[in-house]
C-alpha atoms as a PDB file:
ATOM      1  CA  MET A   1       0.000   0.000   0.000  1.00  0.00           C
ATOM      2  CA  SER A   2       2.784   2.467   0.824  1.00  0.00           C
ATOM      3  CA  ASP A   3       4.497   1.631  -2.476  1.00  0.00           C
ATOM      4  CA  SER A   4       1.396   2.857  -4.312  1.00  0.00           C
ATOM      5  CA  PHE A   5       1.361   6.030  -2.233  1.00  0.00           C
ATOM      6  CA  GLU A   6       5.062   6.652  -2.926  1.00  0.00           C
ATOM      7  CA  LYS A   7       4.520   6.218  -6.678  1.00  0.00           C
ATOM      8  CA  ARG A   8       1.634   8.655  -6.594  1.00  0.00           C
ATOM      9  CA  GLU A   9       3.648  11.148  -4.565  1.00  0.00           C
ATOM     10  CA  LYS A  10       6.587  10.835  -6.983  1.00  0.00           C
ATOM     11  CA  GLY A  11       4.214  11.395  -9.906  1.00  0.00           C
ATOM     12  CA  GLU A  12       2.820  14.535  -8.286  1.00  0.00           C
ATOM     13  CA  GLU A  13       6.330  15.840  -7.641  1.00  0.00           C
ATOM     14  CA  THR A  14       7.302  15.206 -11.258  1.00  0.00           C
ATOM     15  CA  LYS A  15       4.172  16.943 -12.545  1.00  0.00           C
ATOM     16  CA  TYR A  16       4.796  19.932 -10.279  1.00  0.00           C
ATOM     17  CA  SER A  17       8.385  20.161 -11.485  1.00  0.00           C
ATOM     18  CA  LEU A  18       7.313  20.059 -15.140  1.00  0.00           C
ATOM     19  CA  ASP A  19       4.598  22.651 -14.511  1.00  0.00           C
ATOM     20  CA  GLN A  20       7.136  24.969 -12.895  1.00  0.00           C
ATOM     21  CA  GLU A  21       9.500  24.502 -15.829  1.00  0.00           C
ATOM     22  CA  LEU A  22       6.729  25.449 -18.257  1.00  0.00           C
ATOM     23  CA  VAL A  23       5.864  28.544 -16.217  1.00  0.00           C
ATOM     24  CA  PHE A  24       9.519  29.583 -16.310  1.00  0.00           C
ATOM     25  CA  LYS A  25       9.706  29.043 -20.082  1.00  0.00           C
ATOM     26  CA  VAL A  26       6.499  30.992 -20.705  1.00  0.00           C
ATOM     27  CA  ASP A  27       7.674  33.887 -18.535  1.00  0.00           C
ATOM     28  CA  ALA A  28      11.074  33.970 -20.217  1.00  0.00           C
ATOM     29  CA  ARG A  29       9.437  33.912 -23.670  1.00  0.00           C
ATOM     30  CA  ARG A  30       6.995  36.669 -22.659  1.00  0.00           C
ATOM     31  CA  ASN A  31       9.869  38.823 -21.448  1.00  0.00           C
ATOM     32  CA  LYS A  32      11.880  38.169 -24.587  1.00  0.00           C
ATOM     33  CA  LEU A  33       8.920  39.253 -26.730  1.00  0.00           C
ATOM     34  CA  LEU A  34       8.552  42.381 -24.595  1.00  0.00           C
ATOM     35  CA  GLY A  35      12.245  43.135 -24.989  1.00  0.00           C
ATOM     36  CA  LEU A  36      12.109  42.659 -28.758  1.00  0.00           C
ATOM     37  CA  TRP A  37       9.051  44.932 -29.009  1.00  0.00           C
ATOM     38  CA  LEU A  38      10.790  47.633 -26.997  1.00  0.00           C
ATOM     39  CA  ALA A  39      13.991  47.180 -28.992  1.00  0.00           C
ATOM     40  CA  VAL A  40      12.047  48.081 -32.129  1.00  0.00           C
ATOM     41  CA  GLU A  41      10.514  51.072 -30.342  1.00  0.00           C
ATOM     42  CA  PHE A  42      14.014  52.174 -29.282  1.00  0.00           C
ATOM     43  CA  GLY A  43      15.381  51.733 -32.807  1.00  0.00           C
ATOM     44  CA  PHE A  44      17.666  48.801 -31.958  1.00  0.00           C
ATOM     45  CA  LYS A  45      18.513  46.374 -34.722  1.00  0.00           C
ATOM     46  CA  ASP A  46      19.870  42.832 -34.977  1.00  0.00           C
ATOM     47  CA  ASP A  47      22.364  42.039 -32.189  1.00  0.00           C
ATOM     48  CA  ALA A  48      21.463  45.135 -30.173  1.00  0.00           C
ATOM     49  CA  ALA A  49      17.797  44.087 -30.211  1.00  0.00           C
ATOM     50  CA  ALA A  50      18.646  40.526 -29.193  1.00  0.00           C
ATOM     51  CA  ASP A  51      20.944  41.767 -26.431  1.00  0.00           C
ATOM     52  CA  TYR A  52      18.255  44.077 -25.087  1.00  0.00           C
ATOM     53  CA  ALA A  53      15.694  41.253 -25.104  1.00  0.00           C
ATOM     54  CA  LYS A  54      18.139  39.152 -23.044  1.00  0.00           C
ATOM     55  CA  GLU A  55      18.479  42.011 -20.551  1.00  0.00           C
ATOM     56  CA  VAL A  56      14.715  42.055 -20.102  1.00  0.00           C
ATOM     57  CA  VAL A  57      14.630  38.280 -19.566  1.00  0.00           C
ATOM     58  CA  VAL A  58      17.404  38.489 -16.965  1.00  0.00           C
ATOM     59  CA  ALA A  59      15.636  41.349 -15.166  1.00  0.00           C
ATOM     60  CA  ASP A  60      12.845  38.929 -14.240  1.00  0.00           C
ATOM     61  CA  LEU A  61      15.248  36.834 -12.185  1.00  0.00           C
ATOM     62  CA  ASN A  62      15.597  39.554  -9.529  1.00  0.00           C
ATOM     63  CA  GLU A  63      12.344  38.943  -7.647  1.00  0.00           C
ATOM     64  CA  PRO A  64       9.069  37.052  -8.002  1.00  0.00           C
ATOM     65  CA  GLY A  65       6.409  38.638 -10.184  1.00  0.00           C
ATOM     66  CA  ILE A  66       6.586  41.001 -13.104  1.00  0.00           C
ATOM     67  CA  ASP A  67       7.340  44.229 -11.220  1.00  0.00           C
ATOM     68  CA  ASP A  68      11.116  43.869 -11.626  1.00  0.00           C
ATOM     69  CA  VAL A  69      10.668  43.694 -15.404  1.00  0.00           C
ATOM     70  CA  VAL A  70       8.273  46.640 -15.447  1.00  0.00           C
ATOM     71  CA  SER A  71      10.682  48.672 -13.343  1.00  0.00           C
ATOM     72  CA  LYS A  72      13.604  47.865 -15.659  1.00  0.00           C
ATOM     73  CA  VAL A  73      11.805  48.668 -18.889  1.00  0.00           C
ATOM     74  CA  MET A  74      10.167  51.817 -17.506  1.00  0.00           C
ATOM     75  CA  ASN A  75      13.611  53.093 -16.491  1.00  0.00           C
ATOM     76  CA  ASP A  76      14.853  52.319 -19.995  1.00  0.00           C
ATOM     77  CA  ILE A  77      11.823  54.027 -21.548  1.00  0.00           C
ATOM     78  CA  LEU A  78      12.349  57.139 -19.423  1.00  0.00           C
ATOM     79  CA  GLY A  79      16.079  57.112 -20.178  1.00  0.00           C
ATOM     80  CA  ARG A  80      15.336  57.156 -23.895  1.00  0.00           C
ATOM     81  CA  SER A  81      12.456  59.636 -23.574  1.00  0.00           C
ATOM     82  CA  ALA A  82      10.229  57.179 -25.409  1.00  0.00           C
ATOM     83  CA  LYS A  83       6.520  57.902 -25.447  1.00  0.00           C
ATOM     84  CA  ILE A  84       5.420  54.579 -23.928  1.00  0.00           C
ATOM     85  CA  SER A  85       3.360  54.491 -20.746  1.00  0.00           C
ATOM     86  CA  GLU A  86       3.440  51.879 -18.015  1.00  0.00           C
ATOM     87  CA  GLU A  87      -0.149  51.064 -18.970  1.00  0.00           C
ATOM     88  CA  GLN A  88       1.006  50.281 -22.526  1.00  0.00           C
ATOM     89  CA  VAL A  89       3.850  48.128 -21.184  1.00  0.00           C
ATOM     90  CA  ARG A  90       1.497  46.167 -18.950  1.00  0.00           C
ATOM     91  CA  ALA A  91      -0.944  45.689 -21.851  1.00  0.00           C
ATOM     92  CA  LYS A  92       1.904  44.336 -23.981  1.00  0.00           C
ATOM     93  CA  ILE A  93       2.935  42.026 -21.144  1.00  0.00           C
ATOM     94  CA  ALA A  94      -0.599  40.601 -21.063  1.00  0.00           C
ATOM     95  CA  GLU A  95      -0.612  40.231 -24.854  1.00  0.00           C
ATOM     96  CA  PHE A  96       2.807  38.576 -24.900  1.00  0.00           C
ATOM     97  CA  GLN A  97       1.813  36.276 -22.008  1.00  0.00           C
ATOM     98  CA  GLU A  98      -0.882  34.746 -24.226  1.00  0.00           C
ATOM     99  CA  ILE A  99       1.428  34.486 -27.227  1.00  0.00           C
ATOM    100  CA  ALA A 100       4.231  32.949 -25.148  1.00  0.00           C
ATOM    101  CA  THR A 101       1.852  30.454 -23.567  1.00  0.00           C
ATOM    102  CA  ASP A 102       0.657  29.323 -26.988  1.00  0.00           C
ATOM    103  CA  GLN A 103       4.189  29.103 -28.363  1.00  0.00           C
ATOM    104  CA  VAL A 104       5.548  27.096 -25.434  1.00  0.00           C
ATOM    105  CA  ARG A 105       2.554  24.766 -25.401  1.00  0.00           C
ATOM    106  CA  ASN A 106       3.112  24.070 -29.103  1.00  0.00           C
ATOM    107  CA  GLU A 107       6.804  23.373 -28.505  1.00  0.00           C
ATOM    108  CA  PHE A 108       6.211  21.191 -25.435  1.00  0.00           C
ATOM    109  CA  PRO A 109       2.830  19.517 -25.819  1.00  0.00           C
ATOM    110  CA  SER A 110       1.565  17.726 -22.743  1.00  0.00           C
END
């Protein structure tokens, strides 16, 4: 009986781990898309755009939630005097969350 319980527990742990990995991949993809969108808005091209997108992805590793990313990009927006509001950034985050979720689900079907 305990063997069955241990197998079930192991299965739940594995599922949780995979779910967390997918969440991480979706968030990273969302942030990359945000960074690429802003790179275009800032006039970055090619490697500079890719490098900026990586900076946005890394910014999300500072603390849980999206506020660290919003803070980073809003500072960048202000530093470049770009006409993009925090409301627009948050709307793009929501849009890119859906896109990233779809993309990751298609790459890693359950």
